[in-house]
Amino acid sequence: MLFRKAHIAALLCLTACASHDGRTEVDIPTVLPSAGPVSTPSARVDAPWRADERFRLRVEQRGANVPVADHKVTLARRAFTLVFELRDLDFIKVNASYTPETLERARSNDSLTNPDDAFSEGRGAAEEVDPPHGIFVDDGSFNYWGWDGDTHRCHVHEVRANLSTCTRIIEKLRTGGEVTLVQKSTAKAIYVVVVATAAREGETVQELQRDWLTFTFQ
């Protein structure tokens, strides 16, 4: 499970427009990186939430939690599940890539929203209702997952007060127009960066929390 200190809180504003490959492009205003340490050691699943904590992530495979150590997790080459716990958030942004460049920049606390970066404006890939069991793996875009009324991009969604759980089942890796089952993929690893943001008046977006995880397949 992953998290880091939250720095600036506000509300999220977005505009969605359709693309040609079945994704929805989400226009996201520029996100400013927060200062200070990017991540702290992961809390236990049952640990109390810290005041500045906005999301947690755990990884499951065959119904069991998979241990995470030093931002790394090892998986069998089969379907797995991402379980996001969100506090006062409706959506979470997730970049997945076969190369580690974005992950290395996240770890260095670099900005991730320059015009050519994965989390920059207009690079969100969000499915419509009834999302497929997959993840977009793309250096230049991010998955946009969550739940907002009739718009849902979670396979399982639960709400408890200000905490919500968004579960995504990952059976397929989607790159451009190609779709590959996880068990048939030849990728040795996938590099994942998770970012939570919120917008203030005037649509100025600030980063609340980021974390990263390397998935290695056996």
Protein backbone atom coordinates (compact mmCIF):
# COMPACT_ATOMS: atom_id res chain seq x y z
CA MET A 1 0.00 0.00 0.00
CA LEU A 2 1.27 3.38 -0.92
CA PHE A 3 0.95 6.93 0.28
CA ARG A 4 2.74 10.23 0.90
CA LYS A 5 2.12 13.53 2.64
CA ALA A 6 -0.68 15.66 1.29
CA HIS A 7 0.15 19.31 0.78
CA ILE A 8 -2.70 21.33 -0.74
CA ALA A 9 -6.40 20.37 -0.71
CA ALA A 10 -9.15 21.59 -3.03
CA LEU A 11 -11.77 20.36 -5.51
CA LEU A 12 -11.14 18.62 -8.86
CA CYS A 13 -12.40 20.10 -12.15
CA LEU A 14 -12.29 18.25 -15.48
CA THR A 15 -13.70 18.19 -19.02
CA ALA A 16 -13.94 14.92 -20.98
CA CYS A 17 -13.91 14.48 -24.75
CA ALA A 18 -13.98 11.29 -26.80
CA SER A 19 -10.94 9.85 -28.62
CA HIS A 20 -10.66 7.42 -31.53
CA ASP A 21 -9.51 4.29 -29.64
CA GLY A 22 -12.37 3.98 -27.17
CA ARG A 23 -10.77 6.07 -24.46
CA THR A 24 -12.00 9.38 -23.15
CA GLU A 25 -9.52 12.23 -23.10
CA VAL A 26 -9.80 14.21 -19.90
CA ASP A 27 -8.66 17.82 -19.96
CA ILE A 28 -6.88 18.37 -16.67
CA PRO A 29 -5.51 21.82 -15.74
CA THR A 30 -1.81 22.04 -14.99
CA VAL A 31 -0.79 20.26 -11.80
CA LEU A 32 1.84 21.90 -9.66
CA PRO A 33 4.16 19.52 -7.76
CA SER A 34 4.13 19.73 -4.01
CA ALA A 35 7.26 20.39 -2.02
CA GLY A 36 8.96 18.14 0.50
CA PRO A 37 9.34 14.37 0.66
CA VAL A 38 7.36 12.50 -1.98
CA SER A 39 6.59 9.32 -0.08
CA THR A 40 6.89 7.80 3.36
CA PRO A 41 6.98 4.12 4.41
CA SER A 42 3.70 2.35 3.76
CA ALA A 43 1.26 2.04 6.64
CA ARG A 44 -0.32 -1.27 7.61
CA VAL A 45 -3.67 -2.05 6.02
CA ASP A 46 -5.34 -1.69 9.42
CA ALA A 47 -3.33 1.37 10.55
CA PRO A 48 -5.29 4.54 11.37
CA TRP A 49 -5.35 7.14 8.61
CA ARG A 50 -3.03 10.09 9.09
CA ALA A 51 -4.50 13.57 8.84
CA ASP A 52 -2.59 14.30 5.62
CA GLU A 53 -3.15 10.93 3.93
CA ARG A 54 -5.45 10.91 0.87
CA PHE A 55 -5.10 7.45 -0.69
CA ARG A 56 -3.79 3.99 -0.11
CA LEU A 57 -3.21 1.19 -2.60
CA ARG A 58 -2.96 -2.50 -2.06
CA VAL A 59 -2.34 -5.25 -4.61
CA GLU A 60 -4.16 -8.57 -4.63
CA GLN A 61 -3.75 -11.75 -6.60
CA ARG A 62 -6.00 -14.81 -6.29
CA GLY A 63 -7.85 -13.10 -3.45
CA ALA A 64 -4.79 -12.53 -1.25
CA ASN A 65 -2.81 -9.37 -0.51
CA VAL A 66 0.59 -9.26 -2.22
CA PRO A 67 3.40 -7.82 -0.07
CA VAL A 68 4.87 -4.48 -1.11
CA ALA A 69 8.45 -3.64 -0.09
CA ASP A 70 10.43 -0.54 -1.06
CA HIS A 71 7.84 0.40 -3.73
CA LYS A 72 8.19 -3.01 -5.39
CA VAL A 73 5.87 -5.98 -5.77
CA THR A 74 6.38 -9.36 -7.42
CA LEU A 75 3.45 -11.00 -9.19
CA ALA A 76 2.76 -14.28 -10.93
CA ARG A 77 2.10 -13.73 -14.62
CA ARG A 78 -1.69 -13.74 -14.30
CA ALA A 79 -4.54 -11.33 -13.55
CA PHE A 80 -4.23 -9.14 -10.47
CA THR A 81 -6.32 -6.54 -8.66
CA LEU A 82 -5.60 -2.97 -7.59
CA VAL A 83 -7.57 -1.78 -4.57
CA PHE A 84 -7.55 1.99 -4.03
CA GLU A 85 -8.77 3.43 -0.76
CA LEU A 86 -9.59 7.11 -1.30
CA ARG A 87 -10.24 9.68 1.40
CA ASP A 88 -12.26 12.72 0.28
CA LEU A 89 -11.39 11.88 -3.33
CA ASP A 90 -13.63 10.76 -6.21
CA PHE A 91 -10.90 9.84 -8.70
CA ILE A 92 -7.27 8.75 -8.81
CA LYS A 93 -4.76 9.09 -11.68
CA VAL A 94 -2.55 6.13 -12.59
CA ASN A 95 0.23 6.06 -15.18
CA ALA A 96 1.52 2.64 -16.22
CA SER A 97 4.52 2.18 -18.48
CA TYR A 98 6.94 -0.48 -19.70
CA THR A 99 9.80 1.97 -19.11
CA PRO A 100 10.81 3.55 -15.76
CA GLU A 101 11.26 7.20 -16.80
CA THR A 102 8.04 8.57 -15.24
CA LEU A 103 8.58 6.50 -12.10
CA GLU A 104 12.13 7.84 -11.72
CA ARG A 105 10.84 11.41 -12.09
CA ALA A 106 8.14 10.76 -9.50
CA ARG A 107 10.73 9.41 -7.08
CA SER A 108 12.89 12.52 -7.67
CA ASN A 109 9.90 14.80 -6.96
CA ASP A 110 10.11 16.29 -10.45
CA SER A 111 7.09 17.89 -12.07
CA LEU A 112 4.95 15.36 -13.93
CA THR A 113 2.81 17.91 -15.78
CA ASN A 114 5.08 19.62 -18.29
CA PRO A 115 3.50 19.71 -21.79
CA ASP A 116 5.00 16.37 -22.86
CA ASP A 117 4.57 14.59 -19.52
CA ALA A 118 2.17 11.74 -18.75
CA PHE A 119 0.07 13.73 -16.29
CA SER A 120 -0.18 16.92 -18.35
CA GLU A 121 -3.44 18.47 -19.53
CA GLY A 122 -5.51 16.38 -21.95
CA ARG A 123 -3.63 13.10 -21.43
CA GLY A 124 -6.17 11.34 -19.22
CA ALA A 125 -7.52 8.01 -20.53
CA ALA A 126 -10.85 7.25 -18.90
CA GLU A 127 -13.32 4.56 -19.93
CA GLU A 128 -17.04 5.08 -19.97
CA VAL A 129 -19.40 3.02 -17.80
CA ASP A 130 -18.80 -0.73 -17.43
CA PRO A 131 -15.01 -0.43 -17.74
CA PRO A 132 -13.02 -3.35 -19.14
CA HIS A 133 -10.74 -5.45 -16.96
CA GLY A 134 -7.53 -3.78 -18.08
CA ILE A 135 -5.07 -0.95 -17.70
CA PHE A 136 -3.69 1.43 -20.32
CA VAL A 137 0.10 1.02 -20.47
CA ASP A 138 1.39 4.17 -22.13
CA ASP A 139 4.38 6.43 -21.44
CA GLY A 140 2.38 9.52 -22.34
CA SER A 141 -1.00 9.21 -20.59
CA PHE A 142 -2.70 8.24 -17.34
CA ASN A 143 -5.64 6.05 -16.38
CA TYR A 144 -8.42 8.01 -14.68
CA TRP A 145 -10.30 5.82 -12.21
CA GLY A 146 -12.99 6.50 -9.67
CA TRP A 147 -16.70 7.07 -9.19
CA ASP A 148 -18.85 10.17 -9.58
CA GLY A 149 -22.57 9.51 -9.58
CA ASP A 150 -23.45 7.67 -12.80
CA THR A 151 -19.88 7.82 -14.07
CA HIS A 152 -18.02 4.85 -12.62
CA ARG A 153 -14.67 3.39 -13.55
CA CYS A 154 -14.38 0.89 -10.72
CA HIS A 155 -15.30 -2.78 -10.88
CA VAL A 156 -16.22 -2.70 -7.20
CA HIS A 157 -17.08 0.52 -5.38
CA GLU A 158 -17.78 0.89 -1.66
CA VAL A 159 -18.33 4.01 0.44
CA ARG A 160 -17.93 4.44 4.19
CA ALA A 161 -18.37 8.04 5.33
CA ASN A 162 -15.55 10.01 3.64
CA LEU A 163 -13.67 6.86 2.61
CA SER A 164 -14.33 5.04 -0.65
CA THR A 165 -12.81 1.93 -2.18
CA CYS A 166 -12.28 1.59 -5.94
CA THR A 167 -11.26 -1.88 -7.09
CA ARG A 168 -9.81 -2.47 -10.56
CA ILE A 169 -9.35 -5.98 -11.94
CA ILE A 170 -6.38 -6.13 -14.32
CA GLU A 171 -6.62 -9.00 -16.80
CA LYS A 172 -5.40 -7.14 -19.89
CA LEU A 173 -2.65 -4.69 -20.78
CA ARG A 174 -3.80 -2.10 -23.33
CA THR A 175 -1.23 -0.25 -25.42
CA GLY A 176 -2.59 1.83 -28.28
CA GLY A 177 -4.89 -0.48 -30.24
CA GLU A 178 -3.23 -3.65 -28.93
CA VAL A 179 -4.66 -5.65 -26.04
CA THR A 180 -2.62 -8.42 -24.38
CA LEU A 181 -3.68 -10.78 -21.61
CA VAL A 182 -1.40 -10.49 -18.59
CA GLN A 183 -0.53 -14.19 -18.73
CA LYS A 184 0.51 -13.88 -22.37
CA SER A 185 2.53 -10.70 -21.97
CA THR A 186 6.29 -10.93 -22.31
CA ALA A 187 6.91 -7.78 -20.26
CA LYS A 188 9.29 -8.30 -17.37
CA ALA A 189 7.93 -5.32 -15.43
CA ILE A 190 5.39 -2.49 -15.40
CA TYR A 191 6.20 0.83 -13.75
CA VAL A 192 3.24 2.55 -12.10
CA VAL A 193 2.87 6.09 -10.73
CA VAL A 194 -0.23 7.12 -8.75
CA VAL A 195 -1.19 10.79 -8.31
CA ALA A 196 -4.05 12.47 -6.46
CA THR A 197 -4.92 16.07 -7.30
CA ALA A 198 -7.53 18.66 -6.44
CA ALA A 199 -8.51 22.00 -7.95
CA ARG A 200 -9.11 25.37 -6.34
CA GLU A 201 -11.20 28.24 -7.59
CA GLY A 202 -10.07 29.20 -11.08
CA GLU A 203 -9.19 25.56 -11.90
CA THR A 204 -5.67 25.81 -10.49
CA VAL A 205 -4.82 22.20 -9.72
CA GLN A 206 -2.46 21.15 -6.96
CA GLU A 207 -0.96 17.76 -6.34
CA LEU A 208 -2.10 16.18 -3.07
CA GLN A 209 -0.16 12.94 -3.03
CA ARG A 210 1.93 10.73 -5.28
CA ASP A 211 3.48 7.31 -5.06
CA TRP A 212 5.03 4.72 -7.35
CA LEU A 213 5.33 0.98 -7.66
CA THR A 214 7.33 -1.43 -9.81
CA PHE A 215 5.44 -4.60 -10.74
CA THR A 216 7.78 -7.47 -11.62
CA PHE A 217 6.33 -10.59 -13.24
CA GLN A 218 7.64 -14.06 -12.56
